[in-house]
Amino acid sequence: DSRVLKGVMVNKDIIHPKMRRKIKAPRVVLLDCTLEYKKGESQTNVEISNEGDWEALLKAEEDWIKATVEQILEVKPDIVITEKGISDLAQHFFVKAGVTALRRLRKTDNNRIARVT
């Protein structure tokens, strides 16, 4: 069976099983950036001498991701689509907010979606 669709169809799955698959008239946020903590540009070594330093490093990563996701959630999207990756922590925040997310979409697909939304 064939059918003509109004809009754009992409072959991607949601990133978490608890995210919604069907959304009527969604509010879409398109991103071309990553929602993962920025690692060093080159081979970066970090020396951790005690457990407190490790916890501080993890806390900084968590705070950055949480702040970034909160900025996205301020516009009340139903779907977030990015060309890059989404961390597990960002996925958690999106699921908690009831937002569906797609990652690693091609630039051309992102541009097509932008034209029809």
N, C-alpha and C. Protein backbone atom coordinates (compact mmCIF):
# COMPACT_ATOMS: atom_id res chain seq x y z
N ASP A 1 0.83 -1.18 0.00
CA ASP A 1 0.00 0.00 0.00
C ASP A 1 0.88 1.25 0.00
N SER A 2 0.50 2.24 -0.77
CA SER A 2 1.22 3.51 -0.83
C SER A 2 0.30 4.63 -0.41
N ARG A 3 0.92 5.69 0.09
CA ARG A 3 0.14 6.83 0.55
C ARG A 3 0.98 8.09 0.40
N VAL A 4 0.35 9.20 0.03
CA VAL A 4 1.03 10.48 -0.04
C VAL A 4 0.88 11.17 1.31
N LEU A 5 2.00 11.63 1.84
CA LEU A 5 2.00 12.29 3.14
C LEU A 5 2.18 13.79 2.96
N LYS A 6 1.52 14.55 3.79
CA LYS A 6 1.72 15.99 3.79
C LYS A 6 2.78 16.28 4.85
N GLY A 7 3.94 16.71 4.42
CA GLY A 7 5.02 16.99 5.37
C GLY A 7 6.28 16.25 5.00
N VAL A 8 7.07 15.90 5.99
CA VAL A 8 8.35 15.23 5.80
C VAL A 8 8.37 13.95 6.61
N MET A 9 8.90 12.89 6.02
CA MET A 9 9.04 11.63 6.74
C MET A 9 10.53 11.31 6.86
N VAL A 10 10.96 10.97 8.06
CA VAL A 10 12.36 10.59 8.29
C VAL A 10 12.40 9.20 8.90
N ASN A 11 13.44 8.47 8.60
CA ASN A 11 13.59 7.11 9.11
C ASN A 11 14.43 7.14 10.39
N LYS A 12 13.85 7.64 11.46
CA LYS A 12 14.52 7.70 12.76
C LYS A 12 13.55 7.24 13.82
N ASP A 13 14.07 6.68 14.89
CA ASP A 13 13.22 6.25 15.99
C ASP A 13 13.45 7.18 17.17
N ILE A 14 12.48 7.22 18.07
CA ILE A 14 12.63 8.01 19.28
C ILE A 14 13.78 7.45 20.11
N ILE A 15 14.37 8.28 20.97
CA ILE A 15 15.56 7.83 21.69
C ILE A 15 15.27 7.15 23.02
N HIS A 16 14.00 7.17 23.43
CA HIS A 16 13.63 6.54 24.70
C HIS A 16 12.25 5.91 24.55
N PRO A 17 12.06 4.69 25.04
CA PRO A 17 10.78 4.01 24.83
C PRO A 17 9.57 4.70 25.48
N LYS A 18 9.78 5.55 26.47
CA LYS A 18 8.66 6.23 27.13
C LYS A 18 8.24 7.51 26.40
N MET A 19 8.94 7.87 25.34
CA MET A 19 8.58 9.08 24.59
C MET A 19 7.42 8.79 23.65
N ARG A 20 6.61 9.82 23.41
CA ARG A 20 5.44 9.66 22.55
C ARG A 20 5.85 9.46 21.09
N ARG A 21 5.11 8.63 20.39
CA ARG A 21 5.37 8.37 18.98
C ARG A 21 4.41 9.14 18.07
N LYS A 22 3.22 9.44 18.54
CA LYS A 22 2.23 10.16 17.74
C LYS A 22 1.87 11.45 18.44
N ILE A 23 2.09 12.57 17.73
CA ILE A 23 1.79 13.89 18.29
C ILE A 23 1.09 14.69 17.20
N LYS A 24 -0.11 15.12 17.47
CA LYS A 24 -0.86 15.94 16.51
C LYS A 24 -0.44 17.40 16.66
N ALA A 25 -0.14 18.07 15.55
CA ALA A 25 0.25 19.48 15.52
C ALA A 25 1.33 19.80 16.55
N PRO A 26 2.51 19.18 16.43
CA PRO A 26 3.55 19.37 17.45
C PRO A 26 4.27 20.71 17.34
N ARG A 27 4.79 21.16 18.47
CA ARG A 27 5.72 22.30 18.49
C ARG A 27 7.11 21.69 18.39
N VAL A 28 7.87 22.08 17.35
CA VAL A 28 9.14 21.44 17.04
C VAL A 28 10.29 22.41 17.30
N VAL A 29 11.35 21.90 17.95
CA VAL A 29 12.60 22.65 18.10
C VAL A 29 13.65 21.91 17.30
N LEU A 30 14.28 22.61 16.34
CA LEU A 30 15.34 22.03 15.51
C LEU A 30 16.68 22.57 15.98
N LEU A 31 17.64 21.67 16.22
CA LEU A 31 18.96 22.07 16.69
C LEU A 31 20.03 21.49 15.78
N ASP A 32 21.13 22.22 15.66
CA ASP A 32 22.27 21.66 14.94
C ASP A 32 23.47 21.53 15.89
N CYS A 33 23.18 21.48 17.18
CA CYS A 33 24.23 21.35 18.19
C CYS A 33 24.02 20.07 18.99
N THR A 34 25.02 19.73 19.75
CA THR A 34 24.95 18.53 20.58
C THR A 34 24.30 18.85 21.92
N LEU A 35 23.66 17.87 22.50
CA LEU A 35 23.12 17.99 23.85
C LEU A 35 23.89 17.02 24.76
N GLU A 36 25.19 17.03 24.57
CA GLU A 36 26.10 16.25 25.39
C GLU A 36 27.13 17.22 25.94
N TYR A 37 27.72 16.87 27.07
CA TYR A 37 28.72 17.74 27.67
C TYR A 37 29.91 17.84 26.74
N LYS A 38 30.39 19.07 26.53
CA LYS A 38 31.50 19.29 25.61
C LYS A 38 32.79 18.73 26.19
N LYS A 39 33.35 17.81 25.48
CA LYS A 39 34.64 17.26 25.88
C LYS A 39 35.73 18.17 25.29
N GLY A 40 36.95 17.98 25.69
CA GLY A 40 38.06 18.78 25.17
C GLY A 40 38.23 18.57 23.68
N GLU A 41 38.71 19.60 22.99
CA GLU A 41 38.90 19.52 21.54
C GLU A 41 39.94 18.46 21.17
N SER A 42 41.01 18.37 21.95
CA SER A 42 42.04 17.38 21.66
C SER A 42 42.08 16.38 22.81
N GLN A 43 43.07 15.55 22.81
CA GLN A 43 43.21 14.58 23.89
C GLN A 43 43.37 15.34 25.20
N THR A 44 42.34 15.31 26.03
CA THR A 44 42.37 16.04 27.29
C THR A 44 42.52 15.05 28.43
N ASN A 45 43.49 15.31 29.28
CA ASN A 45 43.70 14.47 30.45
C ASN A 45 43.33 15.25 31.70
N VAL A 46 42.61 14.61 32.59
CA VAL A 46 42.25 15.23 33.85
C VAL A 46 42.78 14.35 34.97
N GLU A 47 43.54 14.96 35.88
CA GLU A 47 44.04 14.20 37.02
C GLU A 47 43.13 14.46 38.21
N ILE A 48 42.62 13.39 38.76
CA ILE A 48 41.73 13.51 39.91
C ILE A 48 42.42 12.85 41.09
N SER A 49 42.62 13.64 42.13
CA SER A 49 43.37 13.12 43.27
C SER A 49 42.47 12.59 44.38
N ASN A 50 41.20 13.01 44.39
CA ASN A 50 40.30 12.48 45.41
C ASN A 50 38.88 12.38 44.87
N GLU A 51 38.05 11.74 45.63
CA GLU A 51 36.67 11.49 45.19
C GLU A 51 35.87 12.79 45.02
N GLY A 52 36.17 13.78 45.82
CA GLY A 52 35.48 15.07 45.74
C GLY A 52 35.69 15.76 44.40
N ASP A 53 36.90 15.62 43.85
CA ASP A 53 37.18 16.21 42.53
C ASP A 53 36.35 15.54 41.45
N TRP A 54 36.22 14.21 41.54
CA TRP A 54 35.43 13.46 40.55
C TRP A 54 33.97 13.87 40.63
N GLU A 55 33.46 14.00 41.85
CA GLU A 55 32.07 14.41 42.03
C GLU A 55 31.84 15.83 41.50
N ALA A 56 32.81 16.71 41.69
CA ALA A 56 32.70 18.09 41.19
C ALA A 56 32.67 18.10 39.66
N LEU A 57 33.47 17.23 39.04
CA LEU A 57 33.49 17.13 37.58
C LEU A 57 32.14 16.63 37.06
N LEU A 58 31.58 15.61 37.69
CA LEU A 58 30.28 15.09 37.29
C LEU A 58 29.17 16.11 37.52
N LYS A 59 29.26 16.85 38.61
CA LYS A 59 28.27 17.88 38.93
C LYS A 59 28.29 18.99 37.89
N ALA A 60 29.48 19.39 37.45
CA ALA A 60 29.59 20.44 36.42
C ALA A 60 28.95 19.98 35.12
N GLU A 61 29.19 18.72 34.76
CA GLU A 61 28.58 18.17 33.54
C GLU A 61 27.06 18.14 33.67
N GLU A 62 26.56 17.67 34.80
CA GLU A 62 25.12 17.58 35.01
C GLU A 62 24.47 18.97 35.00
N ASP A 63 25.12 19.94 35.64
CA ASP A 63 24.58 21.30 35.68
C ASP A 63 24.50 21.91 34.28
N TRP A 64 25.52 21.69 33.46
CA TRP A 64 25.53 22.24 32.10
C TRP A 64 24.39 21.64 31.27
N ILE A 65 24.25 20.33 31.33
CA ILE A 65 23.20 19.66 30.55
C ILE A 65 21.82 20.10 31.03
N LYS A 66 21.63 20.18 32.35
CA LYS A 66 20.34 20.57 32.91
C LYS A 66 19.99 22.00 32.48
N ALA A 67 20.95 22.91 32.53
CA ALA A 67 20.71 24.31 32.13
C ALA A 67 20.35 24.39 30.65
N THR A 68 21.05 23.63 29.81
CA THR A 68 20.78 23.63 28.37
C THR A 68 19.39 23.09 28.07
N VAL A 69 19.03 21.98 28.70
CA VAL A 69 17.71 21.39 28.49
C VAL A 69 16.61 22.33 29.00
N GLU A 70 16.85 22.98 30.13
CA GLU A 70 15.85 23.92 30.66
C GLU A 70 15.61 25.08 29.70
N GLN A 71 16.67 25.56 29.04
CA GLN A 71 16.51 26.63 28.04
C GLN A 71 15.65 26.16 26.88
N ILE A 72 15.83 24.92 26.46
CA ILE A 72 15.03 24.36 25.37
C ILE A 72 13.58 24.20 25.82
N LEU A 73 13.38 23.72 27.03
CA LEU A 73 12.02 23.47 27.54
C LEU A 73 11.23 24.75 27.78
N GLU A 74 11.93 25.91 27.87
CA GLU A 74 11.24 27.18 28.06
C GLU A 74 10.29 27.50 26.91
N VAL A 75 10.58 27.01 25.69
CA VAL A 75 9.72 27.28 24.54
C VAL A 75 8.61 26.23 24.40
N LYS A 76 8.52 25.32 25.36
CA LYS A 76 7.47 24.30 25.43
C LYS A 76 7.34 23.46 24.15
N PRO A 77 8.43 22.79 23.74
CA PRO A 77 8.34 21.95 22.54
C PRO A 77 7.66 20.61 22.82
N ASP A 78 7.12 20.01 21.77
CA ASP A 78 6.64 18.63 21.84
C ASP A 78 7.72 17.68 21.34
N ILE A 79 8.51 18.19 20.37
CA ILE A 79 9.58 17.38 19.76
C ILE A 79 10.85 18.22 19.69
N VAL A 80 11.98 17.60 20.04
CA VAL A 80 13.29 18.23 19.88
C VAL A 80 14.07 17.35 18.90
N ILE A 81 14.57 17.97 17.83
CA ILE A 81 15.32 17.23 16.81
C ILE A 81 16.70 17.88 16.70
N THR A 82 17.73 17.06 16.78
CA THR A 82 19.09 17.58 16.66
C THR A 82 19.91 16.77 15.66
N GLU A 83 20.87 17.43 15.06
CA GLU A 83 21.76 16.77 14.10
C GLU A 83 22.89 16.03 14.81
N LYS A 84 23.06 16.29 16.08
CA LYS A 84 24.16 15.68 16.84
C LYS A 84 23.59 14.75 17.91
N GLY A 85 24.39 14.42 18.91
CA GLY A 85 23.99 13.48 19.93
C GLY A 85 23.22 14.11 21.08
N ILE A 86 22.56 13.25 21.85
CA ILE A 86 21.84 13.65 23.06
C ILE A 86 22.28 12.71 24.18
N SER A 87 22.75 13.27 25.27
CA SER A 87 23.25 12.45 26.38
C SER A 87 22.09 11.74 27.10
N ASP A 88 22.45 10.73 27.87
CA ASP A 88 21.45 9.99 28.65
C ASP A 88 20.76 10.91 29.65
N LEU A 89 21.52 11.83 30.22
CA LEU A 89 20.94 12.76 31.20
C LEU A 89 19.94 13.70 30.54
N ALA A 90 20.28 14.20 29.35
CA ALA A 90 19.34 15.07 28.61
C ALA A 90 18.08 14.27 28.25
N GLN A 91 18.25 13.01 27.85
CA GLN A 91 17.09 12.15 27.56
C GLN A 91 16.19 12.06 28.79
N HIS A 92 16.79 11.87 29.94
CA HIS A 92 16.03 11.76 31.19
C HIS A 92 15.19 13.02 31.42
N PHE A 93 15.80 14.19 31.25
CA PHE A 93 15.07 15.44 31.45
C PHE A 93 13.94 15.61 30.44
N PHE A 94 14.16 15.20 29.19
CA PHE A 94 13.11 15.29 28.17
C PHE A 94 11.96 14.35 28.49
N VAL A 95 12.26 13.12 28.89
CA VAL A 95 11.20 12.16 29.24
C VAL A 95 10.39 12.71 30.40
N LYS A 96 11.07 13.25 31.40
CA LYS A 96 10.40 13.80 32.57
C LYS A 96 9.46 14.96 32.19
N ALA A 97 9.85 15.72 31.16
CA ALA A 97 9.04 16.86 30.71
C ALA A 97 8.00 16.45 29.66
N GLY A 98 8.00 15.18 29.24
CA GLY A 98 7.02 14.72 28.25
C GLY A 98 7.36 15.15 26.83
N VAL A 99 8.64 15.38 26.55
CA VAL A 99 9.10 15.82 25.23
C VAL A 99 9.73 14.65 24.49
N THR A 100 9.39 14.51 23.22
CA THR A 100 9.98 13.47 22.38
C THR A 100 11.23 14.04 21.72
N ALA A 101 12.28 13.23 21.58
CA ALA A 101 13.53 13.70 20.99
C ALA A 101 14.03 12.73 19.93
N LEU A 102 14.60 13.29 18.88
CA LEU A 102 15.27 12.54 17.82
C LEU A 102 16.69 13.07 17.71
N ARG A 103 17.66 12.18 17.50
CA ARG A 103 19.05 12.63 17.40
C ARG A 103 19.69 12.14 16.10
N ARG A 104 20.82 12.78 15.79
CA ARG A 104 21.65 12.44 14.63
C ARG A 104 20.86 12.44 13.32
N LEU A 105 20.05 13.49 13.14
CA LEU A 105 19.33 13.66 11.88
C LEU A 105 20.27 14.32 10.87
N ARG A 106 20.16 13.96 9.63
CA ARG A 106 21.00 14.58 8.61
C ARG A 106 20.63 16.05 8.44
N LYS A 107 21.61 16.86 8.08
CA LYS A 107 21.40 18.30 7.87
C LYS A 107 20.30 18.54 6.84
N THR A 108 20.29 17.75 5.77
CA THR A 108 19.27 17.93 4.73
C THR A 108 17.87 17.65 5.27
N ASP A 109 17.74 16.63 6.12
CA ASP A 109 16.44 16.32 6.73
C ASP A 109 16.01 17.43 7.68
N ASN A 110 16.96 17.96 8.42
CA ASN A 110 16.68 19.06 9.34
C ASN A 110 16.17 20.28 8.56
N ASN A 111 16.82 20.55 7.43
CA ASN A 111 16.41 21.69 6.59
C ASN A 111 15.01 21.47 5.99
N ARG A 112 14.71 20.24 5.60
CA ARG A 112 13.37 19.94 5.06
C ARG A 112 12.29 20.15 6.11
N ILE A 113 12.58 19.69 7.33
CA ILE A 113 11.62 19.88 8.42
C ILE A 113 11.44 21.37 8.70
N ALA A 114 12.52 22.12 8.64
CA ALA A 114 12.44 23.56 8.89
C ALA A 114 11.53 24.24 7.87
N ARG A 115 11.56 23.78 6.63
CA ARG A 115 10.74 24.38 5.59
C ARG A 115 9.26 24.10 5.76
N VAL A 116 8.88 22.98 6.35
CA VAL A 116 7.46 22.63 6.45
C VAL A 116 6.85 22.98 7.82
N THR A 117 7.68 23.44 8.76
CA THR A 117 7.12 23.77 10.09
C THR A 117 6.93 25.26 10.24
